[in-house]
Amino acid sequence: MNIPNVKIKNTQVAIVQGDIADMNVDAIVNAANNELQHGKGVALAIVKKGGNIIQEESDKIGFCETGKAVITTGGNLKAKFVIHTVGPVYGEGNDAKKLKNAVLSCLNLAYNENLKSIAFPAISAGIYRFPKDRCAEIMLNTIVTYVKNKDTNLSEIYIVLYDSGTFSIFEKKFKYVK
């Protein structure tokens, strides 16, 4: 299978179609809600595969601001950690900035934890109704700009898209990544 990817400095950036909960990386990103209650969407899928320890650690943290990120164990997942970030609910204002901040918070947390690989879902593009084409543009631009302008220990950054429709939208936007 041909995986769209680009190497920027020492970091491989790629988009793949699949289940983020199955990714063998240091951390997967969970698109969470502010209360860190993982009962729907990608969050529920991650807890189902990773075990209740992820929810228990999230309960201890208790809250995460929109645009910020927190970290828990990966439980039974292949990933060692889950980075929980809260993206914007589309239409509540400053959506693009909040999405960019959510991605940056994850990348900065990965750097602080000395992680080598991370996998993102399409943050806010599901339950939070962020338009997928704009989500793709913002996420890709934020990741590429970060890698170009910062020292990072990340050698692999993936965006993992569950369905073929979302994958093809990201694939179209990925063609413009330099």
N, C-alpha and C. Protein backbone atom coordinates (compact mmCIF):
# COMPACT_ATOMS: atom_id res chain seq x y z
N MET A 1 0.84 -1.19 0.00
CA MET A 1 0.00 0.00 0.00
C MET A 1 0.89 1.25 0.00
N ASN A 2 0.53 2.20 -0.82
CA ASN A 2 1.27 3.45 -0.91
C ASN A 2 0.76 4.42 0.15
N ILE A 3 1.61 4.72 1.12
CA ILE A 3 1.22 5.64 2.20
C ILE A 3 1.76 7.02 1.86
N PRO A 4 0.88 8.02 1.70
CA PRO A 4 1.36 9.37 1.44
C PRO A 4 2.22 9.85 2.61
N ASN A 5 3.48 10.24 2.28
CA ASN A 5 4.37 10.69 3.34
C ASN A 5 5.38 11.69 2.80
N VAL A 6 5.97 12.43 3.69
CA VAL A 6 7.01 13.39 3.35
C VAL A 6 8.01 13.42 4.51
N LYS A 7 9.29 13.56 4.16
CA LYS A 7 10.32 13.67 5.20
C LYS A 7 10.69 15.15 5.33
N ILE A 8 10.58 15.67 6.53
CA ILE A 8 10.94 17.06 6.82
C ILE A 8 12.00 17.02 7.92
N LYS A 9 13.19 17.51 7.57
CA LYS A 9 14.34 17.37 8.46
C LYS A 9 14.46 15.89 8.82
N ASN A 10 14.38 15.54 10.10
CA ASN A 10 14.53 14.13 10.49
C ASN A 10 13.19 13.47 10.82
N THR A 11 12.10 14.07 10.42
CA THR A 11 10.77 13.58 10.79
C THR A 11 9.97 13.16 9.57
N GLN A 12 9.47 11.93 9.62
CA GLN A 12 8.58 11.41 8.58
C GLN A 12 7.15 11.77 8.97
N VAL A 13 6.43 12.46 8.09
CA VAL A 13 5.03 12.81 8.31
C VAL A 13 4.21 12.01 7.30
N ALA A 14 3.21 11.27 7.78
CA ALA A 14 2.44 10.40 6.89
C ALA A 14 0.97 10.39 7.28
N ILE A 15 0.12 10.12 6.30
CA ILE A 15 -1.30 9.88 6.59
C ILE A 15 -1.61 8.43 6.24
N VAL A 16 -2.36 7.78 7.10
CA VAL A 16 -2.73 6.38 6.89
C VAL A 16 -4.21 6.19 7.19
N GLN A 17 -4.79 5.20 6.53
CA GLN A 17 -6.17 4.84 6.83
C GLN A 17 -6.15 3.65 7.77
N GLY A 18 -6.92 3.73 8.86
CA GLY A 18 -6.96 2.63 9.80
C GLY A 18 -7.53 3.06 11.13
N ASP A 19 -7.32 2.21 12.13
CA ASP A 19 -7.82 2.44 13.48
C ASP A 19 -6.66 2.95 14.34
N ILE A 20 -6.77 4.18 14.81
CA ILE A 20 -5.69 4.79 15.60
C ILE A 20 -5.36 3.96 16.84
N ALA A 21 -6.34 3.27 17.39
CA ALA A 21 -6.11 2.47 18.60
C ALA A 21 -5.18 1.28 18.33
N ASP A 22 -4.95 0.95 17.06
CA ASP A 22 -4.05 -0.16 16.71
C ASP A 22 -2.64 0.30 16.35
N MET A 23 -2.39 1.60 16.40
CA MET A 23 -1.09 2.11 15.98
C MET A 23 0.01 1.75 16.99
N ASN A 24 1.14 1.30 16.44
CA ASN A 24 2.30 0.95 17.25
C ASN A 24 3.26 2.15 17.28
N VAL A 25 2.94 3.11 18.12
CA VAL A 25 3.70 4.36 18.26
C VAL A 25 3.87 4.66 19.75
N ASP A 26 4.72 5.62 20.06
CA ASP A 26 4.89 5.99 21.47
C ASP A 26 3.61 6.55 22.07
N ALA A 27 2.89 7.37 21.28
CA ALA A 27 1.63 7.95 21.79
C ALA A 27 0.62 8.10 20.67
N ILE A 28 -0.62 7.80 21.00
CA ILE A 28 -1.72 8.15 20.11
C ILE A 28 -2.45 9.33 20.74
N VAL A 29 -3.04 10.14 19.89
CA VAL A 29 -3.80 11.30 20.35
C VAL A 29 -5.27 10.94 20.37
N ASN A 30 -5.91 11.26 21.48
CA ASN A 30 -7.34 11.07 21.64
C ASN A 30 -8.03 12.42 21.53
N ALA A 31 -9.04 12.49 20.67
CA ALA A 31 -9.87 13.69 20.57
C ALA A 31 -10.88 13.62 21.71
N ALA A 32 -10.59 14.32 22.79
CA ALA A 32 -11.36 14.21 24.03
C ALA A 32 -12.32 15.38 24.21
N ASN A 33 -13.18 15.25 25.24
CA ASN A 33 -14.00 16.39 25.66
C ASN A 33 -13.33 17.01 26.89
N ASN A 34 -13.80 18.19 27.29
CA ASN A 34 -13.17 18.91 28.41
C ASN A 34 -13.14 18.10 29.70
N GLU A 35 -14.17 17.30 29.94
CA GLU A 35 -14.25 16.52 31.19
C GLU A 35 -13.47 15.22 31.13
N LEU A 36 -12.87 14.92 29.97
CA LEU A 36 -12.10 13.69 29.76
C LEU A 36 -12.93 12.45 30.03
N GLN A 37 -14.20 12.51 29.65
CA GLN A 37 -15.09 11.35 29.73
C GLN A 37 -15.14 10.72 28.34
N HIS A 38 -14.58 9.53 28.23
CA HIS A 38 -14.34 8.92 26.93
C HIS A 38 -15.47 7.98 26.52
N GLY A 39 -16.66 8.54 26.31
CA GLY A 39 -17.84 7.72 26.05
C GLY A 39 -18.32 7.68 24.62
N LYS A 40 -17.68 8.44 23.70
CA LYS A 40 -18.15 8.49 22.31
C LYS A 40 -16.96 8.56 21.36
N GLY A 41 -17.23 8.23 20.11
CA GLY A 41 -16.26 8.43 19.03
C GLY A 41 -14.94 7.72 19.25
N VAL A 42 -13.86 8.38 18.80
CA VAL A 42 -12.53 7.79 18.88
C VAL A 42 -12.13 7.55 20.34
N ALA A 43 -12.60 8.42 21.24
CA ALA A 43 -12.26 8.27 22.67
C ALA A 43 -12.77 6.95 23.22
N LEU A 44 -14.00 6.60 22.87
CA LEU A 44 -14.58 5.33 23.33
C LEU A 44 -13.81 4.15 22.75
N ALA A 45 -13.47 4.22 21.47
CA ALA A 45 -12.73 3.13 20.83
C ALA A 45 -11.37 2.92 21.50
N ILE A 46 -10.73 4.01 21.88
CA ILE A 46 -9.41 3.92 22.54
C ILE A 46 -9.55 3.26 23.91
N VAL A 47 -10.53 3.66 24.70
CA VAL A 47 -10.72 3.07 26.03
C VAL A 47 -11.14 1.61 25.93
N LYS A 48 -11.97 1.28 24.95
CA LYS A 48 -12.38 -0.12 24.78
C LYS A 48 -11.19 -1.02 24.51
N LYS A 49 -10.25 -0.56 23.69
CA LYS A 49 -9.07 -1.37 23.37
C LYS A 49 -7.98 -1.26 24.42
N GLY A 50 -7.86 -0.08 25.03
CA GLY A 50 -6.76 0.15 25.97
C GLY A 50 -7.06 -0.21 27.41
N GLY A 51 -8.35 -0.33 27.72
CA GLY A 51 -8.73 -0.68 29.08
C GLY A 51 -9.14 0.52 29.91
N ASN A 52 -9.82 0.23 31.01
CA ASN A 52 -10.40 1.27 31.86
C ASN A 52 -9.36 2.12 32.59
N ILE A 53 -8.10 1.64 32.64
CA ILE A 53 -7.04 2.42 33.28
C ILE A 53 -6.91 3.80 32.63
N ILE A 54 -7.18 3.88 31.32
CA ILE A 54 -7.10 5.16 30.61
C ILE A 54 -8.16 6.12 31.16
N GLN A 55 -9.39 5.61 31.35
CA GLN A 55 -10.44 6.46 31.91
C GLN A 55 -10.14 6.81 33.36
N GLU A 56 -9.62 5.83 34.13
CA GLU A 56 -9.30 6.08 35.53
C GLU A 56 -8.25 7.18 35.68
N GLU A 57 -7.20 7.13 34.86
CA GLU A 57 -6.17 8.18 34.92
C GLU A 57 -6.75 9.52 34.46
N SER A 58 -7.62 9.49 33.46
CA SER A 58 -8.28 10.71 32.99
C SER A 58 -9.14 11.32 34.09
N ASP A 59 -9.83 10.46 34.85
CA ASP A 59 -10.67 10.93 35.96
C ASP A 59 -9.82 11.65 37.01
N LYS A 60 -8.61 11.15 37.25
CA LYS A 60 -7.72 11.79 38.22
C LYS A 60 -7.28 13.17 37.73
N ILE A 61 -7.07 13.30 36.43
CA ILE A 61 -6.71 14.61 35.85
C ILE A 61 -7.91 15.54 35.90
N GLY A 62 -9.07 15.01 35.52
CA GLY A 62 -10.33 15.70 35.72
C GLY A 62 -10.81 16.66 34.66
N PHE A 63 -9.92 17.45 34.07
CA PHE A 63 -10.37 18.49 33.13
C PHE A 63 -9.22 18.87 32.20
N CYS A 64 -9.56 19.19 30.98
CA CYS A 64 -8.58 19.69 30.02
C CYS A 64 -9.22 20.82 29.23
N GLU A 65 -8.56 21.96 29.19
CA GLU A 65 -9.08 23.12 28.44
C GLU A 65 -9.04 22.84 26.94
N THR A 66 -9.95 23.45 26.21
CA THR A 66 -9.92 23.37 24.75
C THR A 66 -8.60 23.94 24.25
N GLY A 67 -7.96 23.20 23.35
CA GLY A 67 -6.66 23.61 22.81
C GLY A 67 -5.47 23.14 23.61
N LYS A 68 -5.70 22.49 24.73
CA LYS A 68 -4.62 21.98 25.58
C LYS A 68 -4.56 20.45 25.46
N ALA A 69 -3.57 19.84 26.14
CA ALA A 69 -3.41 18.39 26.09
C ALA A 69 -2.89 17.87 27.42
N VAL A 70 -3.29 16.64 27.74
CA VAL A 70 -2.81 15.93 28.93
C VAL A 70 -2.45 14.51 28.51
N ILE A 71 -1.70 13.80 29.35
CA ILE A 71 -1.21 12.48 28.98
C ILE A 71 -1.57 11.44 30.02
N THR A 72 -1.92 10.23 29.54
CA THR A 72 -2.15 9.07 30.41
C THR A 72 -1.39 7.89 29.82
N THR A 73 -1.39 6.80 30.55
CA THR A 73 -0.84 5.55 30.05
C THR A 73 -1.63 5.09 28.82
N GLY A 74 -1.03 4.18 28.07
CA GLY A 74 -1.73 3.57 26.95
C GLY A 74 -2.45 2.30 27.34
N GLY A 75 -2.32 1.89 28.61
CA GLY A 75 -3.01 0.68 29.05
C GLY A 75 -2.61 -0.52 28.20
N ASN A 76 -3.60 -1.21 27.63
CA ASN A 76 -3.36 -2.41 26.81
C ASN A 76 -3.11 -2.09 25.34
N LEU A 77 -3.02 -0.83 24.99
CA LEU A 77 -2.76 -0.45 23.60
C LEU A 77 -1.31 -0.75 23.23
N LYS A 78 -1.01 -0.80 21.94
CA LYS A 78 0.38 -0.89 21.49
C LYS A 78 1.13 0.39 21.86
N ALA A 79 0.42 1.51 21.85
CA ALA A 79 1.02 2.80 22.22
C ALA A 79 1.28 2.84 23.72
N LYS A 80 2.42 3.40 24.11
CA LYS A 80 2.75 3.51 25.54
C LYS A 80 1.86 4.54 26.25
N PHE A 81 1.50 5.59 25.50
CA PHE A 81 0.75 6.70 26.09
C PHE A 81 -0.42 7.11 25.21
N VAL A 82 -1.39 7.76 25.85
CA VAL A 82 -2.46 8.44 25.13
C VAL A 82 -2.37 9.92 25.51
N ILE A 83 -2.24 10.76 24.50
CA ILE A 83 -2.29 12.20 24.71
C ILE A 83 -3.71 12.64 24.39
N HIS A 84 -4.39 13.16 25.39
CA HIS A 84 -5.78 13.59 25.24
C HIS A 84 -5.79 15.09 24.96
N THR A 85 -6.39 15.48 23.86
CA THR A 85 -6.51 16.90 23.55
C THR A 85 -7.96 17.24 23.27
N VAL A 86 -8.33 18.47 23.56
CA VAL A 86 -9.70 18.92 23.33
C VAL A 86 -9.68 19.91 22.17
N GLY A 87 -10.25 19.47 21.06
CA GLY A 87 -10.38 20.36 19.91
C GLY A 87 -11.65 21.18 20.03
N PRO A 88 -11.82 22.13 19.12
CA PRO A 88 -12.99 23.01 19.18
C PRO A 88 -14.26 22.34 18.69
N VAL A 89 -15.38 22.74 19.28
CA VAL A 89 -16.69 22.43 18.70
C VAL A 89 -16.90 23.46 17.60
N TYR A 90 -17.11 23.01 16.37
CA TYR A 90 -17.20 23.93 15.25
C TYR A 90 -18.34 24.92 15.44
N GLY A 91 -18.03 26.19 15.22
CA GLY A 91 -19.04 27.23 15.30
C GLY A 91 -19.05 28.00 16.60
N GLU A 92 -18.19 27.63 17.55
CA GLU A 92 -18.16 28.32 18.84
C GLU A 92 -17.18 29.50 18.86
N GLY A 93 -16.50 29.76 17.75
CA GLY A 93 -15.59 30.89 17.67
C GLY A 93 -14.13 30.50 17.81
N ASN A 94 -13.27 31.20 17.07
CA ASN A 94 -11.82 30.94 17.07
C ASN A 94 -11.49 29.48 16.79
N ASP A 95 -12.31 28.84 15.95
CA ASP A 95 -12.16 27.40 15.70
C ASP A 95 -10.77 27.03 15.18
N ALA A 96 -10.29 27.75 14.17
CA ALA A 96 -9.01 27.42 13.56
C ALA A 96 -7.87 27.55 14.58
N LYS A 97 -7.88 28.62 15.35
CA LYS A 97 -6.84 28.83 16.36
C LYS A 97 -6.89 27.73 17.43
N LYS A 98 -8.08 27.37 17.86
CA LYS A 98 -8.22 26.32 18.88
C LYS A 98 -7.72 24.97 18.36
N LEU A 99 -8.01 24.66 17.09
CA LEU A 99 -7.54 23.40 16.51
C LEU A 99 -6.02 23.41 16.40
N LYS A 100 -5.47 24.50 15.92
CA LYS A 100 -4.02 24.64 15.83
C LYS A 100 -3.38 24.47 17.21
N ASN A 101 -3.94 25.11 18.22
CA ASN A 101 -3.41 25.00 19.58
C ASN A 101 -3.49 23.57 20.11
N ALA A 102 -4.56 22.85 19.78
CA ALA A 102 -4.69 21.45 20.21
C ALA A 102 -3.56 20.61 19.62
N VAL A 103 -3.29 20.79 18.33
CA VAL A 103 -2.21 20.04 17.67
C VAL A 103 -0.86 20.42 18.28
N LEU A 104 -0.61 21.72 18.45
CA LEU A 104 0.65 22.17 19.04
C LEU A 104 0.83 21.66 20.47
N SER A 105 -0.23 21.65 21.25
CA SER A 105 -0.15 21.14 22.63
C SER A 105 0.29 19.68 22.64
N CYS A 106 -0.22 18.89 21.71
CA CYS A 106 0.17 17.48 21.61
C CYS A 106 1.64 17.35 21.21
N LEU A 107 2.06 18.12 20.22
CA LEU A 107 3.45 18.06 19.77
C LEU A 107 4.40 18.51 20.88
N ASN A 108 4.05 19.55 21.60
CA ASN A 108 4.89 20.02 22.71
C ASN A 108 4.95 19.01 23.85
N LEU A 109 3.83 18.38 24.15
CA LEU A 109 3.80 17.35 25.19
C LEU A 109 4.65 16.15 24.78
N ALA A 110 4.56 15.76 23.51
CA ALA A 110 5.39 14.66 23.00
C ALA A 110 6.88 15.01 23.14
N TYR A 111 7.23 16.25 22.83
CA TYR A 111 8.61 16.71 22.97
C TYR A 111 9.05 16.64 24.44
N ASN A 112 8.22 17.15 25.33
CA ASN A 112 8.55 17.17 26.76
C ASN A 112 8.70 15.77 27.33
N GLU A 113 7.97 14.80 26.77
CA GLU A 113 8.04 13.41 27.23
C GLU A 113 9.10 12.60 26.47
N ASN A 114 9.83 13.28 25.56
CA ASN A 114 10.88 12.65 24.75
C ASN A 114 10.36 11.49 23.89
N LEU A 115 9.17 11.65 23.35
CA LEU A 115 8.58 10.62 22.50
C LEU A 115 9.15 10.70 21.09
N LYS A 116 9.20 9.55 20.43
CA LYS A 116 9.76 9.46 19.07
C LYS A 116 8.68 9.36 17.99
N SER A 117 7.48 8.92 18.37
CA SER A 117 6.43 8.74 17.36
C SER A 117 5.07 9.05 17.97
N ILE A 118 4.20 9.64 17.13
CA ILE A 118 2.87 10.05 17.57
C ILE A 118 1.89 9.86 16.42
N ALA A 119 0.66 9.53 16.77
CA ALA A 119 -0.40 9.39 15.76
C ALA A 119 -1.60 10.23 16.18
N PHE A 120 -2.07 11.06 15.25
CA PHE A 120 -3.23 11.93 15.47
C PHE A 120 -4.45 11.40 14.73
N PRO A 121 -5.64 11.59 15.29
CA PRO A 121 -6.87 11.42 14.50
C PRO A 121 -7.18 12.77 13.83
N ALA A 122 -8.27 12.83 13.09
CA ALA A 122 -8.75 14.10 12.55
C ALA A 122 -9.48 14.82 13.69
N ILE A 123 -8.75 15.63 14.44
CA ILE A 123 -9.29 16.27 15.65
C ILE A 123 -10.47 17.16 15.30
N SER A 124 -11.56 16.98 16.01
CA SER A 124 -12.80 17.78 15.90
C SER A 124 -13.61 17.52 14.63
N ALA A 125 -13.14 16.62 13.75
CA ALA A 125 -13.84 16.41 12.47
C ALA A 125 -15.01 15.43 12.56
N GLY A 126 -15.21 14.83 13.72
CA GLY A 126 -16.32 13.90 13.89
C GLY A 126 -17.48 14.55 14.62
N ILE A 127 -17.62 14.18 15.88
CA ILE A 127 -18.72 14.65 16.72
C ILE A 127 -18.75 16.18 16.81
N TYR A 128 -17.58 16.83 16.76
CA TYR A 128 -17.51 18.29 16.89
C TYR A 128 -17.71 19.04 15.57
N ARG A 129 -17.96 18.31 14.48
CA ARG A 129 -18.43 18.85 13.19
C ARG A 129 -17.49 19.83 12.49
N PHE A 130 -16.21 19.80 12.80
CA PHE A 130 -15.26 20.67 12.09
C PHE A 130 -15.19 20.20 10.64
N PRO A 131 -15.30 21.11 9.65
CA PRO A 131 -15.23 20.68 8.24
C PRO A 131 -13.91 19.94 7.96
N LYS A 132 -14.01 18.77 7.36
CA LYS A 132 -12.84 17.91 7.21
C LYS A 132 -11.75 18.53 6.35
N ASP A 133 -12.12 19.27 5.31
CA ASP A 133 -11.08 19.88 4.47
C ASP A 133 -10.31 20.95 5.25
N ARG A 134 -10.99 21.75 6.03
CA ARG A 134 -10.31 22.76 6.87
C ARG A 134 -9.49 22.09 7.97
N CYS A 135 -10.04 21.04 8.55
CA CYS A 135 -9.31 20.27 9.57
C CYS A 135 -7.99 19.76 8.98
N ALA A 136 -8.06 19.19 7.78
CA ALA A 136 -6.86 18.67 7.12
C ALA A 136 -5.84 19.78 6.90
N GLU A 137 -6.28 20.92 6.36
CA GLU A 137 -5.38 22.05 6.11
C GLU A 137 -4.70 22.51 7.39
N ILE A 138 -5.49 22.72 8.43
CA ILE A 138 -4.95 23.26 9.68
C ILE A 138 -4.01 22.26 10.34
N MET A 139 -4.42 21.00 10.43
CA MET A 139 -3.56 20.00 11.07
C MET A 139 -2.25 19.83 10.31
N LEU A 140 -2.33 19.67 8.99
CA LEU A 140 -1.11 19.47 8.20
C LEU A 140 -0.19 20.69 8.27
N ASN A 141 -0.76 21.88 8.11
CA ASN A 141 0.07 23.10 8.18
C ASN A 141 0.72 23.26 9.54
N THR A 142 -0.02 22.96 10.60
CA THR A 142 0.52 23.09 11.96
C THR A 142 1.66 22.10 12.18
N ILE A 143 1.45 20.86 11.78
CA ILE A 143 2.48 19.82 11.96
C ILE A 143 3.73 20.16 11.15
N VAL A 144 3.56 20.51 9.88
CA VAL A 144 4.71 20.80 9.02
C VAL A 144 5.48 22.03 9.51
N THR A 145 4.77 23.08 9.87
CA THR A 145 5.42 24.29 10.39
C THR A 145 6.19 23.98 11.67
N TYR A 146 5.59 23.18 12.54
CA TYR A 146 6.25 22.80 13.80
C TYR A 146 7.56 22.06 13.52
N VAL A 147 7.49 21.06 12.65
CA VAL A 147 8.67 20.24 12.36
C VAL A 147 9.77 21.09 11.70
N LYS A 148 9.38 21.99 10.82
CA LYS A 148 10.37 22.83 10.13
C LYS A 148 11.05 23.82 11.08
N ASN A 149 10.33 24.31 12.06
CA ASN A 149 10.82 25.43 12.87
C ASN A 149 11.27 25.08 14.28
N LYS A 150 11.06 23.85 14.72
CA LYS A 150 11.42 23.47 16.09
C LYS A 150 12.35 22.27 16.06
N ASP A 151 13.17 22.18 17.08
CA ASP A 151 13.91 20.93 17.29
C ASP A 151 12.92 19.95 17.89
N THR A 152 12.83 18.78 17.31
CA THR A 152 11.90 17.78 17.84
C THR A 152 12.57 16.43 17.86
N ASN A 153 12.21 15.61 18.82
CA ASN A 153 12.72 14.25 18.89
C ASN A 153 11.80 13.30 18.13
N LEU A 154 10.70 13.81 17.59
CA LEU A 154 9.76 12.96 16.86
C LEU A 154 10.34 12.57 15.51
N SER A 155 10.48 11.27 15.28
CA SER A 155 10.94 10.79 13.98
C SER A 155 9.76 10.38 13.09
N GLU A 156 8.60 10.14 13.70
CA GLU A 156 7.41 9.74 12.93
C GLU A 156 6.18 10.45 13.48
N ILE A 157 5.44 11.10 12.57
CA ILE A 157 4.15 11.71 12.91
C ILE A 157 3.14 11.18 11.91
N TYR A 158 2.10 10.56 12.42
CA TYR A 158 1.04 10.02 11.57
C TYR A 158 -0.27 10.76 11.83
N ILE A 159 -1.06 10.89 10.77
CA ILE A 159 -2.46 11.25 10.93
C ILE A 159 -3.22 10.02 10.46
N VAL A 160 -4.00 9.44 11.37
CA VAL A 160 -4.69 8.18 11.11
C VAL A 160 -6.18 8.47 10.93
N LEU A 161 -6.69 8.07 9.78
CA LEU A 161 -8.07 8.38 9.40
C LEU A 161 -8.84 7.09 9.24
N TYR A 162 -9.94 7.00 9.95
CA TYR A 162 -10.68 5.74 10.05
C TYR A 162 -11.41 5.38 8.75
N ASP A 163 -12.05 6.35 8.12
CA ASP A 163 -12.86 6.01 6.94
C ASP A 163 -12.21 6.54 5.66
N SER A 164 -12.55 5.91 4.55
CA SER A 164 -11.93 6.24 3.27
C SER A 164 -12.27 7.65 2.80
N GLY A 165 -13.47 8.14 3.12
CA GLY A 165 -13.86 9.49 2.72
C GLY A 165 -12.97 10.54 3.36
N THR A 166 -12.75 10.41 4.66
CA THR A 166 -11.89 11.36 5.37
C THR A 166 -10.45 11.22 4.89
N PHE A 167 -10.02 9.98 4.67
CA PHE A 167 -8.66 9.74 4.18
C PHE A 167 -8.45 10.46 2.84
N SER A 168 -9.40 10.36 1.92
CA SER A 168 -9.22 10.98 0.61
C SER A 168 -9.18 12.50 0.70
N ILE A 169 -9.94 13.08 1.64
CA ILE A 169 -9.89 14.53 1.86
C ILE A 169 -8.49 14.94 2.34
N PHE A 170 -7.96 14.22 3.32
CA PHE A 170 -6.62 14.52 3.83
C PHE A 170 -5.56 14.25 2.76
N GLU A 171 -5.75 13.20 1.97
CA GLU A 171 -4.80 12.86 0.91
C GLU A 171 -4.70 14.00 -0.11
N LYS A 172 -5.83 14.58 -0.47
CA LYS A 172 -5.84 15.72 -1.42
C LYS A 172 -5.05 16.90 -0.84
N LYS A 173 -5.27 17.20 0.43
CA LYS A 173 -4.57 18.32 1.07
C LYS A 173 -3.08 18.00 1.26
N PHE A 174 -2.77 16.73 1.45
CA PHE A 174 -1.39 16.30 1.71
C PHE A 174 -0.50 16.56 0.49
N LYS A 175 -1.09 16.56 -0.70
CA LYS A 175 -0.32 16.78 -1.93
C LYS A 175 0.36 18.14 -1.94
N TYR A 176 -0.15 19.09 -1.15
CA TYR A 176 0.41 20.43 -1.12
C TYR A 176 1.44 20.61 -0.01
N VAL A 177 1.69 19.56 0.76
CA VAL A 177 2.66 19.64 1.85
C VAL A 177 4.07 19.62 1.26
N LYS A 178 4.86 20.57 1.67
CA LYS A 178 6.26 20.64 1.20
C LYS A 178 7.20 20.66 2.40
